[in-house]
Protein backbone atom coordinates (compact mmCIF):
# COMPACT_ATOMS: atom_id res chain seq x y z
CA MET A 1 67.60 -16.87 2.62
CA THR A 2 65.10 -18.23 0.10
CA ASN A 3 61.57 -16.94 -0.26
CA ASP A 4 60.20 -20.21 1.15
CA SER A 5 62.38 -20.04 4.26
CA GLN A 6 61.57 -16.34 4.69
CA THR A 7 57.86 -17.18 4.57
CA ALA A 8 58.25 -20.03 7.08
CA GLU A 9 60.26 -17.83 9.43
CA ARG A 10 57.72 -15.02 9.21
CA GLU A 11 54.84 -17.41 9.94
CA GLY A 12 56.75 -18.64 12.97
CA HIS A 13 57.06 -15.10 14.28
CA LEU A 14 53.30 -14.58 14.02
CA VAL A 15 52.18 -17.74 15.82
CA GLY A 16 49.93 -16.50 18.62
CA ALA A 17 49.23 -13.13 17.01
CA GLU A 18 45.44 -13.64 17.00
CA GLY A 19 43.74 -11.18 19.36
CA ALA A 20 46.83 -8.97 19.69
CA VAL A 21 46.33 -5.47 21.03
CA LEU A 22 48.92 -4.19 18.54
CA ARG A 23 50.17 -6.03 15.47
CA ALA A 24 52.50 -5.16 12.60
CA ASP A 25 52.69 -7.32 9.49
CA ASN A 26 55.49 -7.26 6.92
CA LEU A 27 56.40 -3.60 7.45
CA ILE A 28 58.52 -1.93 4.81
CA ALA A 29 59.24 1.63 5.88
CA GLY A 30 61.82 4.38 5.85
CA TYR A 31 62.48 8.08 6.17
CA LEU A 32 63.21 8.73 2.47
CA PRO A 33 61.49 7.45 -0.68
CA GLY A 34 63.25 4.37 -1.97
CA VAL A 35 65.45 4.02 1.13
CA ASN A 36 63.89 1.47 3.46
CA ILE A 37 65.04 0.87 7.03
CA LEU A 38 62.43 -1.81 7.72
CA ASN A 39 62.42 -4.68 5.26
CA GLY A 40 59.49 -6.86 6.24
CA ALA A 41 59.42 -6.58 10.04
CA ASP A 42 56.65 -8.33 11.97
CA LEU A 43 55.57 -7.84 15.57
CA TYR A 44 52.63 -8.45 17.85
CA CYS A 45 51.81 -7.68 21.46
CA GLN A 46 49.04 -9.43 23.36
CA PRO A 47 47.00 -7.65 26.04
CA GLY A 48 49.05 -7.46 29.23
CA GLU A 49 52.34 -8.43 27.59
CA LEU A 50 55.74 -6.79 27.90
CA VAL A 51 57.54 -7.22 24.58
CA GLY A 52 61.21 -6.35 24.10
CA ILE A 53 62.98 -5.48 20.85
CA ILE A 54 66.76 -5.84 20.73
CA GLY A 55 69.39 -5.92 18.00
CA PRO A 56 72.54 -4.22 16.76
CA ASN A 57 72.84 -0.50 16.09
CA GLY A 58 71.19 0.40 12.82
CA ALA A 59 68.91 -2.63 12.83
CA GLY A 60 65.77 -0.47 12.63
CA LYS A 61 64.53 -0.86 16.21
CA SER A 62 63.59 2.77 16.83
CA THR A 63 62.30 3.06 13.26
CA LEU A 64 59.92 0.18 13.99
CA LEU A 65 58.47 1.98 17.01
CA LYS A 66 58.10 5.21 15.01
CA ALA A 67 56.38 3.32 12.21
CA LEU A 68 53.90 1.89 14.73
CA PHE A 69 53.27 5.42 16.01
CA GLY A 70 52.82 7.11 12.62
CA LEU A 71 56.13 8.99 12.68
CA VAL A 72 57.75 7.05 9.83
CA LYS A 73 56.01 6.36 6.52
CA VAL A 74 54.98 2.74 6.04
CA HIS A 75 55.32 1.90 2.33
CA GLU A 76 54.06 -1.68 2.55
CA GLY A 77 52.49 -3.82 5.26
CA SER A 78 50.02 -2.91 7.96
CA VAL A 79 49.70 -1.86 11.59
CA LYS A 80 46.57 -2.85 13.49
CA LEU A 81 45.32 -1.80 16.92
CA LYS A 82 42.80 -4.26 18.35
CA GLY A 83 42.08 -5.42 14.80
CA ASP A 84 41.57 -1.93 13.31
CA ASP A 85 43.98 -0.77 10.61
CA ILE A 86 45.89 2.29 11.86
CA THR A 87 48.69 2.25 9.27
CA ASN A 88 50.17 5.74 8.77
CA GLN A 89 47.60 7.46 10.95
CA ARG A 90 48.77 10.65 12.69
CA ALA A 91 50.37 10.37 16.09
CA ASP A 92 47.73 12.55 17.78
CA GLN A 93 44.99 10.27 16.43
CA LEU A 94 46.85 7.23 17.75
CA VAL A 95 47.14 8.78 21.21
CA SER A 96 43.37 9.22 21.33
CA LYS A 97 42.95 5.58 20.25
CA GLY A 98 45.12 4.21 23.02
CA ILE A 99 48.81 4.25 22.05
CA GLY A 100 51.38 6.01 24.19
CA PHE A 101 54.91 6.76 22.96
CA VAL A 102 58.02 7.79 24.90
CA PRO A 103 60.85 8.90 22.59
CA GLN A 104 64.48 8.43 23.56
CA ASN A 105 65.44 12.12 23.39
CA ASN A 106 63.74 15.43 24.17
CA ASN A 107 60.93 13.64 25.95
CA VAL A 108 60.01 16.29 28.56
CA PHE A 109 59.26 20.02 28.51
CA PRO A 110 62.15 21.28 30.69
CA SER A 111 60.68 24.73 31.36
CA LEU A 112 57.40 23.27 32.64
CA THR A 113 56.79 21.74 36.04
CA ILE A 114 56.18 18.03 36.52
CA GLU A 115 52.48 18.76 36.95
CA GLU A 116 52.37 20.85 33.78
CA ASN A 117 54.17 18.12 31.82
CA LEU A 118 51.53 15.65 32.95
CA GLU A 119 48.77 18.10 32.01
CA MET A 120 50.23 18.16 28.50
CA GLY A 121 49.86 14.40 28.44
CA CYS A 122 46.06 14.61 28.64
CA TYR A 123 45.51 17.78 26.63
CA GLN A 124 42.96 15.92 24.50
CA GLU A 125 40.87 15.07 27.59
CA PRO A 126 41.73 17.65 30.28
CA LYS A 127 38.80 16.60 32.49
CA ARG A 128 40.59 13.31 33.16
CA PHE A 129 43.62 15.02 34.67
CA ASN A 130 42.88 14.39 38.36
CA GLU A 131 42.00 10.74 37.79
CA ARG A 132 45.06 10.04 35.66
CA PHE A 133 47.37 12.13 37.85
CA GLY A 134 46.42 9.87 40.73
CA PHE A 135 47.20 6.76 38.68
CA VAL A 136 50.58 8.08 37.54
CA THR A 137 51.67 9.29 40.97
CA ASP A 138 50.71 5.96 42.50
CA LEU A 139 53.23 4.42 40.09
CA PHE A 140 55.76 7.22 40.55
CA PRO A 141 55.28 8.74 44.03
CA ARG A 142 58.20 11.16 43.53
CA LEU A 143 56.31 12.90 40.76
CA GLY A 144 53.48 13.72 43.14
CA GLU A 145 55.84 14.85 45.89
CA ARG A 146 57.69 17.19 43.50
CA ARG A 147 54.83 18.18 41.22
CA LYS A 148 55.77 21.91 41.25
CA GLN A 149 59.43 21.37 40.33
CA ARG A 150 60.55 22.18 36.80
CA ALA A 151 61.41 19.15 34.71
CA GLY A 152 64.69 20.73 33.61
CA GLN A 153 65.94 20.54 37.21
CA LEU A 154 65.43 16.79 37.44
CA SER A 155 67.97 13.98 37.08
CA GLY A 156 67.95 11.82 33.95
CA GLY A 157 66.10 9.04 35.74
CA GLU A 158 63.49 11.45 37.09
CA ARG A 159 62.96 12.97 33.65
CA GLN A 160 62.37 9.48 32.33
CA MET A 161 59.66 9.02 34.98
CA VAL A 162 58.01 12.26 33.82
CA ALA A 163 58.13 11.14 30.18
CA MET A 164 56.60 7.77 31.02
CA GLY A 165 54.02 9.40 33.25
CA ARG A 166 52.98 11.88 30.57
CA ALA A 167 52.49 9.05 28.05
CA LEU A 168 50.27 7.26 30.58
CA MET A 169 47.97 10.25 31.12
CA MET A 170 45.63 9.24 28.27
CA ASP A 171 45.22 5.72 29.69
CA PRO A 172 46.86 3.89 26.76
CA SER A 173 46.25 0.22 26.11
CA VAL A 174 49.81 -0.10 24.80
CA LEU A 175 52.92 1.95 25.63
CA LEU A 176 55.89 2.23 23.25
CA LEU A 177 59.24 2.90 24.94
CA ASP A 178 62.29 3.86 22.86
CA GLU A 179 65.55 3.13 24.73
CA PRO A 180 64.24 4.09 28.20
CA SER A 181 67.57 3.33 29.92
CA ALA A 182 69.78 5.20 27.43
CA GLY A 183 72.33 7.52 29.04
CA LEU A 184 71.50 6.51 32.60
CA SER A 185 73.82 5.11 35.24
CA PRO A 186 73.55 1.35 35.97
CA VAL A 187 71.58 2.06 39.15
CA LEU A 188 69.11 4.31 37.34
CA GLN A 189 68.86 1.83 34.48
CA ASP A 190 67.75 -0.83 36.94
CA GLU A 191 65.17 1.59 38.33
CA VAL A 192 63.76 2.24 34.85
CA PHE A 193 63.44 -1.49 34.17
CA VAL A 194 61.62 -1.97 37.48
CA GLN A 195 59.31 0.93 36.65
CA THR A 196 58.61 -0.51 33.21
CA ARG A 197 57.62 -3.82 34.75
CA ASN A 198 55.40 -2.02 37.27
CA ILE A 199 53.63 -0.15 34.45
CA ASN A 200 53.03 -3.48 32.74
CA ARG A 201 51.73 -5.06 35.94
CA ALA A 202 49.31 -2.13 36.29
CA GLY A 203 47.59 -3.39 33.14
CA VAL A 204 49.37 -1.58 30.31
CA SER A 205 50.83 -3.60 27.43
CA VAL A 206 54.39 -2.45 26.74
CA ILE A 207 56.65 -2.66 23.69
CA MET A 208 60.19 -1.62 24.56
CA VAL A 209 63.24 -1.06 22.37
CA GLU A 210 66.46 -1.49 24.35
CA GLN A 211 70.23 -1.51 23.82
CA ASN A 212 70.68 -3.18 27.22
CA ALA A 213 69.67 -6.46 25.63
CA ARG A 214 70.41 -8.78 28.53
CA ARG A 215 68.37 -6.77 31.04
CA CYS A 216 65.55 -6.31 28.56
CA LEU A 217 65.25 -10.05 28.00
CA GLN A 218 65.21 -10.63 31.75
CA ILE A 219 62.01 -8.64 32.24
CA CYS A 220 60.08 -9.11 28.98
CA ASP A 221 57.52 -11.84 28.34
CA ARG A 222 58.55 -12.16 24.71
CA GLY A 223 61.27 -10.62 22.60
CA TYR A 224 62.28 -9.93 19.04
CA VAL A 225 65.80 -9.67 17.67
CA LEU A 226 65.76 -7.22 14.78
CA ASP A 227 68.57 -7.23 12.22
CA GLN A 228 68.72 -5.31 8.94
CA GLY A 229 65.12 -4.26 9.31
CA ARG A 230 63.58 -7.69 9.72
CA ASN A 231 63.06 -10.30 12.43
CA ALA A 232 66.09 -12.52 12.99
CA TYR A 233 64.83 -14.35 16.09
CA SER A 234 61.79 -14.26 18.36
CA GLY A 235 60.70 -16.12 21.47
CA THR A 236 60.24 -15.74 25.19
CA GLY A 237 62.72 -13.50 26.92
CA LYS A 238 64.29 -16.49 28.68
CA ASP A 239 64.54 -18.55 25.48
CA LEU A 240 66.29 -15.73 23.63
CA ALA A 241 68.64 -15.02 26.54
CA ASP A 242 69.65 -18.70 26.59
CA ASP A 243 69.83 -19.21 22.81
CA PRO A 244 73.48 -19.86 21.82
CA LYS A 245 73.05 -18.11 18.45
CA VAL A 246 71.49 -15.02 20.04
CA ILE A 247 74.26 -14.96 22.64
CA GLU A 248 76.98 -15.27 20.02
CA LEU A 249 75.57 -12.75 17.57
CA TYR A 250 73.82 -10.18 19.75
CA LEU A 251 74.57 -10.58 23.46
CA GLY A 252 78.27 -11.49 23.39
CA THR A 253 79.91 -12.18 26.73
CA LEU A 254 77.06 -10.38 28.52
CA GLY A 255 74.79 -13.25 27.57
CA GLN A 256 77.02 -15.70 29.43
CA GLN A 257 77.17 -13.85 32.72
CA ALA A 258 75.20 -15.17 35.64
CA ASP A 259 72.18 -13.20 36.76
């Protein structure tokens, strides 16, 4: 791809980015000096949007989320939250500024109860616990009913609820979800997607990385296809799910199945 076509494609990705709650421009980032996983990735999320990120294994999807959340060094480019530059700020600072993050693995404290896990979620503002606990348990009633049960005794789907709930305890304006359906049965995967949509409908902007590409595109407002650390395609979830090139390259036969 020529520089001119790369520039045109990048500008196309960023149409509508004005006023975004979270925006990343031309991110070049990686875990080791001189070894970049992201090679000019762009992304934006408007207030109230649910944005999905799909792509092949090794495309840099999880790295993109970690770069947004200060867990991977950004070498070039910028990340902005409501217009303020937050590039490479520490994760704890970003939590206080309104970003929640749910990692794919090790996302609960198994020896703590559900209630104690949620308390950890608002350790920076403990006085808000009762208010936020009410919000989270309205979304996830089972967490309130079983608040004294240890997280290590829960099913995978229930642990995912705890992880999401803990990230919501600081009232984030945007929630980053890394592979929320990974390792779950099809039934529990569907439940996680429904819960994600409910979180979004409750007023939280969501950016979700997902391997279950077809299902992700069904629920997201807009999506990005990441490949080799940069944007390959972007558009509404429906447009990407129906795009013959996206189907051929990234969805395969799953993209041709009826809903």
